[in-house]
Amino acid sequence: MNTETKTAATTPDTRTRIVRAASLLMQRQGYDGTGIKQIAQEAQATLGSVYHFFPGGKQELAVAAIHHGDQEFFDVLREALEREEDTARAIADLCGELADGLHASQWVDGCPITTTSLGTAGRAPDIQTAAAQAFARWRGLVHDRLRASGMSESDAYDLAHTVISTMEGAELAAQVAQSKEPLQIAGKHLARLIALHQ
């Protein structure tokens, strides 16, 4: 494969660059703090391109950004669960990895779903729906893993909610405090809780 072909194959297309830029900026600045012009600049795209792909403007783009963040974390969560046979250990390890990643980003790269959706509560139902669907997908992944380990349906359902909600809250607390400790403690106690049900 020549360099020209390799570059074409690995360079994200314009729409992908726009969505990634929107996801990153809204993750760091929130929905209201992020403008279409800034997204276009970050994506190295024209304003015309942004509106071509997202005629619904910033709200439509925010939904796409949430879907992007949803898939990114879904893949991280799935890989963590596949890498470690013990579910309790997998969740504890993932909390540690999230803490390390947040620290490495100088506490700016928290959950893109939460940051984007919280600023639109009550005024952007499409964004709220996309965020709710993301959390449901993550819970579903944990639920299925817990069920596969022999846990009852009701316990797996409740515990999956607890795992995702605790991780989300701990990540926000870690970001605000600029400390790994909330995620590390959450991971330790989630692991104990899961182990009690296994």
N, C-alpha and C. Protein backbone atom coordinates (compact mmCIF):
# COMPACT_ATOMS: atom_id res chain seq x y z
N MET A 1 0.85 -1.19 0.00
CA MET A 1 0.00 0.00 0.00
C MET A 1 0.89 1.24 0.00
N ASN A 2 0.68 2.14 -0.95
CA ASN A 2 1.51 3.34 -0.98
C ASN A 2 1.03 4.35 0.06
N THR A 3 1.87 5.37 0.31
CA THR A 3 1.59 6.36 1.35
C THR A 3 0.30 7.11 1.08
N GLU A 4 0.07 7.41 -0.18
CA GLU A 4 -1.13 8.17 -0.53
C GLU A 4 -2.38 7.38 -0.19
N THR A 5 -2.40 6.09 -0.52
CA THR A 5 -3.55 5.24 -0.23
C THR A 5 -3.72 5.06 1.27
N LYS A 6 -2.62 4.87 1.98
CA LYS A 6 -2.68 4.67 3.43
C LYS A 6 -3.26 5.91 4.10
N THR A 7 -2.82 7.10 3.67
CA THR A 7 -3.31 8.34 4.25
C THR A 7 -4.81 8.48 4.02
N ALA A 8 -5.25 8.17 2.81
CA ALA A 8 -6.67 8.27 2.49
C ALA A 8 -7.49 7.30 3.33
N ALA A 9 -6.91 6.12 3.57
CA ALA A 9 -7.63 5.09 4.32
C ALA A 9 -7.71 5.40 5.80
N THR A 10 -6.72 6.14 6.34
CA THR A 10 -6.69 6.37 7.78
C THR A 10 -7.18 7.76 8.19
N THR A 11 -7.32 8.68 7.24
CA THR A 11 -7.79 10.02 7.56
C THR A 11 -9.31 10.02 7.72
N PRO A 12 -9.81 10.48 8.87
CA PRO A 12 -11.27 10.49 9.06
C PRO A 12 -11.95 11.42 8.06
N ASP A 13 -13.15 11.03 7.63
CA ASP A 13 -13.87 11.89 6.71
C ASP A 13 -14.37 13.14 7.45
N THR A 14 -14.88 14.10 6.69
CA THR A 14 -15.25 15.39 7.27
C THR A 14 -16.32 15.24 8.34
N ARG A 15 -17.34 14.44 8.09
CA ARG A 15 -18.41 14.28 9.07
C ARG A 15 -17.86 13.69 10.38
N THR A 16 -17.00 12.69 10.26
CA THR A 16 -16.41 12.07 11.45
C THR A 16 -15.59 13.08 12.23
N ARG A 17 -14.81 13.90 11.54
CA ARG A 17 -14.00 14.92 12.22
C ARG A 17 -14.89 15.91 12.96
N ILE A 18 -15.99 16.29 12.34
CA ILE A 18 -16.92 17.24 12.97
C ILE A 18 -17.52 16.64 14.23
N VAL A 19 -17.96 15.39 14.15
CA VAL A 19 -18.57 14.73 15.31
C VAL A 19 -17.55 14.57 16.44
N ARG A 20 -16.34 14.15 16.10
CA ARG A 20 -15.30 13.99 17.13
C ARG A 20 -14.98 15.32 17.79
N ALA A 21 -14.88 16.37 16.99
CA ALA A 21 -14.58 17.69 17.54
C ALA A 21 -15.71 18.16 18.45
N ALA A 22 -16.94 17.96 18.02
CA ALA A 22 -18.09 18.36 18.84
C ALA A 22 -18.11 17.59 20.15
N SER A 23 -17.84 16.29 20.08
CA SER A 23 -17.84 15.46 21.28
C SER A 23 -16.78 15.93 22.27
N LEU A 24 -15.58 16.18 21.78
CA LEU A 24 -14.48 16.61 22.64
C LEU A 24 -14.76 17.98 23.26
N LEU A 25 -15.20 18.92 22.44
CA LEU A 25 -15.43 20.27 22.95
C LEU A 25 -16.59 20.32 23.93
N MET A 26 -17.67 19.59 23.63
CA MET A 26 -18.80 19.59 24.55
C MET A 26 -18.47 18.83 25.83
N GLN A 27 -17.60 17.85 25.72
CA GLN A 27 -17.12 17.12 26.89
C GLN A 27 -16.38 18.07 27.83
N ARG A 28 -15.64 18.99 27.26
CA ARG A 28 -14.81 19.89 28.06
C ARG A 28 -15.52 21.19 28.44
N GLN A 29 -16.41 21.65 27.57
CA GLN A 29 -17.00 22.98 27.77
C GLN A 29 -18.51 22.97 27.98
N GLY A 30 -19.13 21.81 27.80
CA GLY A 30 -20.57 21.75 27.88
C GLY A 30 -21.23 22.18 26.58
N TYR A 31 -22.52 21.99 26.52
CA TYR A 31 -23.28 22.32 25.31
C TYR A 31 -23.29 23.82 25.06
N ASP A 32 -23.66 24.60 26.08
CA ASP A 32 -23.79 26.05 25.89
C ASP A 32 -22.44 26.73 25.66
N GLY A 33 -21.38 26.15 26.19
CA GLY A 33 -20.06 26.75 26.05
C GLY A 33 -19.36 26.45 24.74
N THR A 34 -20.03 25.66 23.89
CA THR A 34 -19.42 25.24 22.63
C THR A 34 -20.21 25.80 21.45
N GLY A 35 -19.53 26.49 20.56
CA GLY A 35 -20.19 27.07 19.39
C GLY A 35 -19.89 26.30 18.11
N ILE A 36 -20.78 26.45 17.16
CA ILE A 36 -20.62 25.78 15.86
C ILE A 36 -19.32 26.21 15.18
N LYS A 37 -18.99 27.49 15.26
CA LYS A 37 -17.78 27.99 14.62
C LYS A 37 -16.54 27.33 15.22
N GLN A 38 -16.52 27.19 16.54
CA GLN A 38 -15.39 26.55 17.21
C GLN A 38 -15.28 25.09 16.81
N ILE A 39 -16.42 24.42 16.69
CA ILE A 39 -16.43 23.02 16.26
C ILE A 39 -15.84 22.90 14.86
N ALA A 40 -16.26 23.78 13.97
CA ALA A 40 -15.75 23.76 12.59
C ALA A 40 -14.24 23.96 12.57
N GLN A 41 -13.76 24.92 13.36
CA GLN A 41 -12.32 25.18 13.41
C GLN A 41 -11.56 23.97 13.95
N GLU A 42 -12.06 23.37 15.03
CA GLU A 42 -11.41 22.21 15.63
C GLU A 42 -11.36 21.04 14.66
N ALA A 43 -12.43 20.91 13.86
CA ALA A 43 -12.54 19.79 12.91
C ALA A 43 -11.84 20.08 11.59
N GLN A 44 -11.31 21.30 11.45
CA GLN A 44 -10.71 21.74 10.19
C GLN A 44 -11.71 21.56 9.04
N ALA A 45 -12.91 22.08 9.30
CA ALA A 45 -14.00 22.01 8.32
C ALA A 45 -14.61 23.40 8.18
N THR A 46 -15.35 23.60 7.11
CA THR A 46 -16.03 24.87 6.93
C THR A 46 -17.38 24.86 7.66
N LEU A 47 -17.89 26.04 7.95
CA LEU A 47 -19.22 26.13 8.55
C LEU A 47 -20.26 25.51 7.62
N GLY A 48 -20.05 25.69 6.32
CA GLY A 48 -20.96 25.11 5.34
C GLY A 48 -21.00 23.60 5.44
N SER A 49 -19.84 22.98 5.69
CA SER A 49 -19.78 21.52 5.84
C SER A 49 -20.56 21.08 7.08
N VAL A 50 -20.40 21.82 8.18
CA VAL A 50 -21.10 21.46 9.41
C VAL A 50 -22.60 21.47 9.17
N TYR A 51 -23.10 22.53 8.53
CA TYR A 51 -24.54 22.62 8.29
C TYR A 51 -25.02 21.67 7.20
N HIS A 52 -24.10 21.30 6.32
CA HIS A 52 -24.45 20.30 5.30
C HIS A 52 -24.76 18.96 5.96
N PHE A 53 -23.89 18.54 6.89
CA PHE A 53 -24.08 17.26 7.56
C PHE A 53 -25.10 17.33 8.69
N PHE A 54 -25.24 18.53 9.27
CA PHE A 54 -26.15 18.69 10.40
C PHE A 54 -27.06 19.90 10.19
N PRO A 55 -28.03 19.76 9.29
CA PRO A 55 -28.92 20.89 8.99
C PRO A 55 -29.73 21.34 10.20
N GLY A 56 -29.85 20.46 11.20
CA GLY A 56 -30.56 20.83 12.42
C GLY A 56 -29.72 21.65 13.38
N GLY A 57 -28.50 21.96 12.99
CA GLY A 57 -27.65 22.82 13.80
C GLY A 57 -27.03 22.13 14.99
N LYS A 58 -26.79 22.90 16.04
CA LYS A 58 -26.01 22.40 17.18
C LYS A 58 -26.72 21.27 17.93
N GLN A 59 -28.03 21.33 18.03
CA GLN A 59 -28.73 20.25 18.74
C GLN A 59 -28.55 18.91 18.02
N GLU A 60 -28.69 18.92 16.71
CA GLU A 60 -28.51 17.69 15.94
C GLU A 60 -27.06 17.19 16.08
N LEU A 61 -26.14 18.11 16.06
CA LEU A 61 -24.73 17.75 16.19
C LEU A 61 -24.44 17.21 17.60
N ALA A 62 -25.08 17.78 18.60
CA ALA A 62 -24.89 17.30 19.98
C ALA A 62 -25.39 15.87 20.13
N VAL A 63 -26.49 15.55 19.48
CA VAL A 63 -27.00 14.16 19.51
C VAL A 63 -25.97 13.22 18.90
N ALA A 64 -25.40 13.62 17.76
CA ALA A 64 -24.38 12.80 17.11
C ALA A 64 -23.15 12.67 18.01
N ALA A 65 -22.79 13.75 18.69
CA ALA A 65 -21.64 13.72 19.60
C ALA A 65 -21.89 12.77 20.76
N ILE A 66 -23.11 12.76 21.27
CA ILE A 66 -23.45 11.84 22.36
C ILE A 66 -23.38 10.40 21.87
N HIS A 67 -23.89 10.14 20.68
CA HIS A 67 -23.79 8.78 20.12
C HIS A 67 -22.33 8.36 20.00
N HIS A 68 -21.48 9.31 19.59
CA HIS A 68 -20.05 9.02 19.47
C HIS A 68 -19.45 8.68 20.83
N GLY A 69 -19.74 9.51 21.84
CA GLY A 69 -19.23 9.25 23.18
C GLY A 69 -19.78 7.96 23.76
N ASP A 70 -21.03 7.69 23.46
CA ASP A 70 -21.67 6.44 23.88
C ASP A 70 -20.89 5.24 23.36
N GLN A 71 -20.62 5.24 22.07
CA GLN A 71 -19.92 4.10 21.46
C GLN A 71 -18.50 3.97 21.99
N GLU A 72 -17.83 5.10 22.18
CA GLU A 72 -16.46 5.07 22.70
C GLU A 72 -16.41 4.40 24.07
N PHE A 73 -17.31 4.81 24.98
CA PHE A 73 -17.26 4.23 26.31
C PHE A 73 -17.80 2.80 26.32
N PHE A 74 -18.78 2.52 25.46
CA PHE A 74 -19.30 1.16 25.35
C PHE A 74 -18.15 0.21 24.99
N ASP A 75 -17.31 0.63 24.05
CA ASP A 75 -16.17 -0.20 23.64
C ASP A 75 -15.16 -0.36 24.77
N VAL A 76 -14.90 0.71 25.52
CA VAL A 76 -13.98 0.65 26.66
C VAL A 76 -14.52 -0.30 27.72
N LEU A 77 -15.80 -0.18 28.01
CA LEU A 77 -16.43 -1.03 29.03
C LEU A 77 -16.43 -2.49 28.59
N ARG A 78 -16.76 -2.73 27.33
CA ARG A 78 -16.77 -4.10 26.82
C ARG A 78 -15.38 -4.72 26.87
N GLU A 79 -14.38 -3.95 26.47
CA GLU A 79 -13.01 -4.46 26.50
C GLU A 79 -12.56 -4.78 27.93
N ALA A 80 -12.95 -3.93 28.87
CA ALA A 80 -12.58 -4.16 30.27
C ALA A 80 -13.22 -5.44 30.79
N LEU A 81 -14.47 -5.69 30.42
CA LEU A 81 -15.17 -6.89 30.86
C LEU A 81 -14.65 -8.14 30.16
N GLU A 82 -14.21 -8.00 28.93
CA GLU A 82 -13.68 -9.15 28.19
C GLU A 82 -12.26 -9.49 28.63
N ARG A 83 -11.53 -8.49 29.07
CA ARG A 83 -10.13 -8.67 29.44
C ARG A 83 -9.97 -9.40 30.78
N GLU A 84 -10.93 -9.21 31.68
CA GLU A 84 -10.85 -9.76 33.02
C GLU A 84 -12.05 -10.66 33.29
N GLU A 85 -11.78 -11.91 33.61
CA GLU A 85 -12.86 -12.88 33.82
C GLU A 85 -13.70 -12.56 35.06
N ASP A 86 -13.05 -12.05 36.10
CA ASP A 86 -13.75 -11.69 37.33
C ASP A 86 -14.40 -10.32 37.16
N THR A 87 -15.73 -10.26 37.17
CA THR A 87 -16.45 -9.01 36.93
C THR A 87 -16.09 -7.95 37.96
N ALA A 88 -16.00 -8.35 39.22
CA ALA A 88 -15.66 -7.41 40.29
C ALA A 88 -14.30 -6.76 40.02
N ARG A 89 -13.34 -7.56 39.64
CA ARG A 89 -12.00 -7.05 39.34
C ARG A 89 -12.02 -6.16 38.10
N ALA A 90 -12.82 -6.55 37.10
CA ALA A 90 -12.90 -5.77 35.86
C ALA A 90 -13.41 -4.36 36.13
N ILE A 91 -14.44 -4.25 36.97
CA ILE A 91 -15.00 -2.93 37.28
C ILE A 91 -14.03 -2.10 38.10
N ALA A 92 -13.37 -2.72 39.06
CA ALA A 92 -12.38 -2.00 39.86
C ALA A 92 -11.24 -1.50 38.98
N ASP A 93 -10.77 -2.35 38.08
CA ASP A 93 -9.69 -1.95 37.17
C ASP A 93 -10.12 -0.80 36.27
N LEU A 94 -11.36 -0.88 35.77
CA LEU A 94 -11.86 0.17 34.88
C LEU A 94 -11.94 1.51 35.61
N CYS A 95 -12.40 1.49 36.85
CA CYS A 95 -12.45 2.73 37.63
C CYS A 95 -11.05 3.33 37.77
N GLY A 96 -10.07 2.46 37.98
CA GLY A 96 -8.68 2.93 38.06
C GLY A 96 -8.21 3.53 36.75
N GLU A 97 -8.59 2.91 35.65
CA GLU A 97 -8.20 3.43 34.33
C GLU A 97 -8.87 4.77 34.05
N LEU A 98 -10.14 4.90 34.44
CA LEU A 98 -10.83 6.18 34.26
C LEU A 98 -10.16 7.27 35.09
N ALA A 99 -9.75 6.92 36.30
CA ALA A 99 -9.06 7.89 37.15
C ALA A 99 -7.74 8.33 36.51
N ASP A 100 -7.00 7.38 35.98
CA ASP A 100 -5.72 7.69 35.33
C ASP A 100 -5.93 8.57 34.10
N GLY A 101 -6.95 8.25 33.31
CA GLY A 101 -7.24 9.02 32.11
C GLY A 101 -7.66 10.45 32.43
N LEU A 102 -8.48 10.59 33.47
CA LEU A 102 -8.92 11.92 33.88
C LEU A 102 -7.75 12.76 34.37
N HIS A 103 -6.87 12.13 35.15
CA HIS A 103 -5.67 12.82 35.63
C HIS A 103 -4.78 13.23 34.46
N ALA A 104 -4.61 12.32 33.50
CA ALA A 104 -3.75 12.61 32.35
C ALA A 104 -4.29 13.77 31.51
N SER A 105 -5.62 13.95 31.51
CA SER A 105 -6.23 15.04 30.74
C SER A 105 -6.26 16.35 31.53
N GLN A 106 -5.63 16.34 32.70
CA GLN A 106 -5.64 17.50 33.60
C GLN A 106 -7.06 17.83 34.03
N TRP A 107 -7.86 16.75 34.22
CA TRP A 107 -9.19 16.80 34.80
C TRP A 107 -10.24 17.44 33.88
N VAL A 108 -9.96 17.52 32.58
CA VAL A 108 -10.94 18.15 31.68
C VAL A 108 -11.78 17.15 30.88
N ASP A 109 -11.29 15.92 30.73
CA ASP A 109 -12.00 14.96 29.88
C ASP A 109 -12.85 14.00 30.71
N GLY A 110 -13.94 14.54 31.26
CA GLY A 110 -14.89 13.71 31.99
C GLY A 110 -15.82 13.01 31.03
N CYS A 111 -16.98 12.64 31.53
CA CYS A 111 -17.94 11.93 30.68
C CYS A 111 -18.58 12.88 29.67
N PRO A 112 -18.44 12.60 28.37
CA PRO A 112 -19.02 13.50 27.36
C PRO A 112 -20.54 13.48 27.37
N ILE A 113 -21.13 12.39 27.80
CA ILE A 113 -22.59 12.29 27.83
C ILE A 113 -23.15 13.22 28.90
N THR A 114 -22.62 13.13 30.09
CA THR A 114 -23.11 13.94 31.20
C THR A 114 -22.91 15.42 30.94
N THR A 115 -21.70 15.79 30.55
CA THR A 115 -21.38 17.20 30.35
C THR A 115 -22.27 17.83 29.28
N THR A 116 -22.51 17.10 28.21
CA THR A 116 -23.31 17.64 27.12
C THR A 116 -24.78 17.71 27.49
N SER A 117 -25.29 16.66 28.12
CA SER A 117 -26.73 16.59 28.36
C SER A 117 -27.21 17.43 29.54
N LEU A 118 -26.39 17.58 30.58
CA LEU A 118 -26.84 18.33 31.75
C LEU A 118 -27.19 19.77 31.42
N GLY A 119 -26.44 20.37 30.53
CA GLY A 119 -26.69 21.76 30.18
C GLY A 119 -27.92 21.98 29.32
N THR A 120 -28.54 20.90 28.89
CA THR A 120 -29.71 21.03 28.01
C THR A 120 -30.98 20.50 28.66
N ALA A 121 -30.91 20.14 29.93
CA ALA A 121 -32.07 19.55 30.61
C ALA A 121 -33.30 20.43 30.48
N GLY A 122 -34.39 19.82 30.05
CA GLY A 122 -35.66 20.54 29.96
C GLY A 122 -35.86 21.34 28.68
N ARG A 123 -34.83 21.41 27.82
CA ARG A 123 -35.01 22.23 26.61
C ARG A 123 -34.53 21.56 25.33
N ALA A 124 -34.01 20.36 25.44
CA ALA A 124 -33.53 19.66 24.24
C ALA A 124 -33.83 18.17 24.40
N PRO A 125 -35.09 17.77 24.19
CA PRO A 125 -35.47 16.38 24.44
C PRO A 125 -34.69 15.36 23.62
N ASP A 126 -34.27 15.71 22.41
CA ASP A 126 -33.50 14.77 21.59
C ASP A 126 -32.16 14.45 22.24
N ILE A 127 -31.54 15.45 22.84
CA ILE A 127 -30.26 15.25 23.51
C ILE A 127 -30.47 14.41 24.77
N GLN A 128 -31.52 14.70 25.51
CA GLN A 128 -31.81 13.93 26.71
C GLN A 128 -32.09 12.47 26.38
N THR A 129 -32.82 12.24 25.30
CA THR A 129 -33.12 10.87 24.87
C THR A 129 -31.86 10.12 24.49
N ALA A 130 -30.98 10.79 23.74
CA ALA A 130 -29.72 10.15 23.33
C ALA A 130 -28.87 9.80 24.54
N ALA A 131 -28.84 10.68 25.54
CA ALA A 131 -28.06 10.42 26.75
C ALA A 131 -28.66 9.25 27.52
N ALA A 132 -29.97 9.23 27.65
CA ALA A 132 -30.64 8.13 28.37
C ALA A 132 -30.37 6.79 27.68
N GLN A 133 -30.38 6.80 26.36
CA GLN A 133 -30.10 5.57 25.60
C GLN A 133 -28.66 5.11 25.82
N ALA A 134 -27.74 6.06 25.92
CA ALA A 134 -26.33 5.70 26.16
C ALA A 134 -26.18 5.01 27.51
N PHE A 135 -26.74 5.60 28.54
CA PHE A 135 -26.65 5.00 29.87
C PHE A 135 -27.30 3.62 29.89
N ALA A 136 -28.41 3.48 29.18
CA ALA A 136 -29.10 2.19 29.13
C ALA A 136 -28.24 1.13 28.45
N ARG A 137 -27.53 1.51 27.39
CA ARG A 137 -26.64 0.56 26.70
C ARG A 137 -25.52 0.09 27.63
N TRP A 138 -24.94 1.03 28.38
CA TRP A 138 -23.86 0.67 29.29
C TRP A 138 -24.38 -0.24 30.40
N ARG A 139 -25.55 0.10 30.95
CA ARG A 139 -26.14 -0.76 31.98
C ARG A 139 -26.43 -2.15 31.42
N GLY A 140 -26.88 -2.19 30.17
CA GLY A 140 -27.19 -3.47 29.54
C GLY A 140 -25.96 -4.36 29.42
N LEU A 141 -24.83 -3.76 29.12
CA LEU A 141 -23.59 -4.52 29.00
C LEU A 141 -23.20 -5.12 30.35
N VAL A 142 -23.29 -4.31 31.40
CA VAL A 142 -22.96 -4.80 32.75
C VAL A 142 -23.97 -5.86 33.18
N HIS A 143 -25.25 -5.59 32.92
CA HIS A 143 -26.31 -6.53 33.27
C HIS A 143 -26.07 -7.89 32.64
N ASP A 144 -25.76 -7.90 31.36
CA ASP A 144 -25.56 -9.17 30.64
C ASP A 144 -24.37 -9.94 31.21
N ARG A 145 -23.33 -9.21 31.58
CA ARG A 145 -22.16 -9.86 32.16
C ARG A 145 -22.51 -10.47 33.52
N LEU A 146 -23.26 -9.74 34.32
CA LEU A 146 -23.66 -10.24 35.64
C LEU A 146 -24.58 -11.45 35.52
N ARG A 147 -25.48 -11.40 34.56
CA ARG A 147 -26.37 -12.54 34.33
C ARG A 147 -25.58 -13.76 33.89
N ALA A 148 -24.59 -13.54 33.04
CA ALA A 148 -23.76 -14.65 32.55
C ALA A 148 -22.97 -15.30 33.68
N SER A 149 -22.72 -14.53 34.74
CA SER A 149 -21.98 -15.09 35.87
C SER A 149 -22.89 -15.81 36.86
N GLY A 150 -24.19 -15.86 36.53
CA GLY A 150 -25.13 -16.61 37.36
C GLY A 150 -25.99 -15.77 38.29
N MET A 151 -25.89 -14.47 38.20
CA MET A 151 -26.67 -13.60 39.07
C MET A 151 -28.13 -13.59 38.63
N SER A 152 -29.04 -13.42 39.57
CA SER A 152 -30.47 -13.38 39.25
C SER A 152 -30.79 -12.15 38.43
N GLU A 153 -31.90 -12.19 37.71
CA GLU A 153 -32.31 -11.07 36.86
C GLU A 153 -32.48 -9.78 37.66
N SER A 154 -33.18 -9.85 38.78
CA SER A 154 -33.45 -8.63 39.55
C SER A 154 -32.16 -8.06 40.14
N ASP A 155 -31.29 -8.93 40.65
CA ASP A 155 -30.02 -8.45 41.20
C ASP A 155 -29.13 -7.86 40.11
N ALA A 156 -29.09 -8.52 38.96
CA ALA A 156 -28.26 -8.02 37.85
C ALA A 156 -28.76 -6.66 37.36
N TYR A 157 -30.08 -6.52 37.28
CA TYR A 157 -30.68 -5.26 36.83
C TYR A 157 -30.32 -4.13 37.80
N ASP A 158 -30.56 -4.37 39.09
CA ASP A 158 -30.29 -3.34 40.10
C ASP A 158 -28.80 -3.02 40.19
N LEU A 159 -27.98 -4.04 40.14
CA LEU A 159 -26.54 -3.84 40.30
C LEU A 159 -25.94 -3.13 39.08
N ALA A 160 -26.46 -3.42 37.90
CA ALA A 160 -25.99 -2.72 36.70
C ALA A 160 -26.28 -1.22 36.81
N HIS A 161 -27.47 -0.88 37.30
CA HIS A 161 -27.79 0.54 37.55
C HIS A 161 -26.81 1.14 38.54
N THR A 162 -26.56 0.41 39.62
CA THR A 162 -25.67 0.90 40.67
C THR A 162 -24.26 1.13 40.14
N VAL A 163 -23.76 0.19 39.34
CA VAL A 163 -22.40 0.30 38.80
C VAL A 163 -22.26 1.54 37.93
N ILE A 164 -23.15 1.70 36.97
CA ILE A 164 -23.02 2.83 36.04
C ILE A 164 -23.26 4.16 36.75
N SER A 165 -24.27 4.23 37.61
CA SER A 165 -24.55 5.48 38.33
C SER A 165 -23.40 5.86 39.25
N THR A 166 -22.82 4.88 39.93
CA THR A 166 -21.71 5.15 40.84
C THR A 166 -20.47 5.60 40.07
N MET A 167 -20.19 4.95 38.96
CA MET A 167 -19.04 5.35 38.16
C MET A 167 -19.21 6.77 37.62
N GLU A 168 -20.42 7.10 37.16
CA GLU A 168 -20.67 8.44 36.65
C GLU A 168 -20.48 9.49 37.74
N GLY A 169 -21.07 9.22 38.91
CA GLY A 169 -20.94 10.17 40.01
C GLY A 169 -19.51 10.31 40.49
N ALA A 170 -18.81 9.19 40.56
CA ALA A 170 -17.42 9.22 41.02
C ALA A 170 -16.52 9.96 40.03
N GLU A 171 -16.81 9.79 38.75
CA GLU A 171 -16.01 10.50 37.74
C GLU A 171 -16.20 12.01 37.86
N LEU A 172 -17.44 12.42 38.06
CA LEU A 172 -17.72 13.85 38.23
C LEU A 172 -17.05 14.38 39.50
N ALA A 173 -17.15 13.61 40.59
CA ALA A 173 -16.52 14.03 41.85
C ALA A 173 -15.00 14.11 41.71
N ALA A 174 -14.41 13.16 40.99
CA ALA A 174 -12.97 13.18 40.76
C ALA A 174 -12.56 14.40 39.95
N GLN A 175 -13.38 14.73 38.96
CA GLN A 175 -13.08 15.88 38.11
C GLN A 175 -13.14 17.19 38.91
N VAL A 176 -14.17 17.32 39.73
CA VAL A 176 -14.34 18.54 40.53
C VAL A 176 -13.22 18.66 41.57
N ALA A 177 -12.91 17.54 42.23
CA ALA A 177 -11.88 17.56 43.27
C ALA A 177 -10.46 17.50 42.71
N GLN A 178 -10.35 17.20 41.41
CA GLN A 178 -9.05 16.98 40.78
C GLN A 178 -8.25 15.95 41.58
N SER A 179 -8.91 14.82 41.79
CA SER A 179 -8.33 13.74 42.57
C SER A 179 -8.80 12.40 42.03
N LYS A 180 -7.91 11.43 42.00
CA LYS A 180 -8.28 10.08 41.57
C LYS A 180 -9.11 9.35 42.61
N GLU A 181 -9.06 9.84 43.85
CA GLU A 181 -9.62 9.09 44.96
C GLU A 181 -11.09 8.71 44.81
N PRO A 182 -11.99 9.59 44.35
CA PRO A 182 -13.39 9.18 44.24
C PRO A 182 -13.59 7.96 43.34
N LEU A 183 -12.88 7.89 42.24
CA LEU A 183 -13.00 6.75 41.34
C LEU A 183 -12.34 5.51 41.93
N GLN A 184 -11.23 5.69 42.59
CA GLN A 184 -10.55 4.55 43.19
C GLN A 184 -11.41 3.92 44.30
N ILE A 185 -12.00 4.77 45.13
CA ILE A 185 -12.87 4.27 46.20
C ILE A 185 -14.12 3.62 45.61
N ALA A 186 -14.70 4.26 44.59
CA ALA A 186 -15.89 3.68 43.96
C ALA A 186 -15.58 2.31 43.39
N GLY A 187 -14.44 2.18 42.73
CA GLY A 187 -14.05 0.89 42.15
C GLY A 187 -13.91 -0.19 43.21
N LYS A 188 -13.28 0.17 44.31
CA LYS A 188 -13.06 -0.79 45.40
C LYS A 188 -14.39 -1.28 45.97
N HIS A 189 -15.31 -0.37 46.21
CA HIS A 189 -16.58 -0.75 46.84
C HIS A 189 -17.56 -1.40 45.86
N LEU A 190 -17.51 -0.99 44.60
CA LEU A 190 -18.32 -1.69 43.59
C LEU A 190 -17.85 -3.13 43.46
N ALA A 191 -16.55 -3.34 43.50
CA ALA A 191 -16.02 -4.71 43.41
C ALA A 191 -16.50 -5.55 44.58
N ARG A 192 -16.50 -4.97 45.77
CA ARG A 192 -16.99 -5.70 46.93
C ARG A 192 -18.47 -6.04 46.80
N LEU A 193 -19.23 -5.09 46.30
CA LEU A 193 -20.68 -5.29 46.14
C LEU A 193 -20.96 -6.40 45.13
N ILE A 194 -20.24 -6.36 44.02
CA ILE A 194 -20.42 -7.40 42.99
C ILE A 194 -20.02 -8.76 43.55
N ALA A 195 -18.92 -8.80 44.26
CA ALA A 195 -18.44 -10.08 44.82
C ALA A 195 -19.45 -10.67 45.81
N LEU A 196 -20.17 -9.84 46.53
CA LEU A 196 -21.18 -10.32 47.47
C LEU A 196 -22.31 -11.05 46.78
N HIS A 197 -22.57 -10.69 45.52
CA HIS A 197 -23.69 -11.29 44.77
C HIS A 197 -23.26 -12.44 43.88
N GLN A 198 -21.97 -12.70 43.79
CA GLN A 198 -21.50 -13.76 42.89
C GLN A 198 -21.47 -15.10 43.58
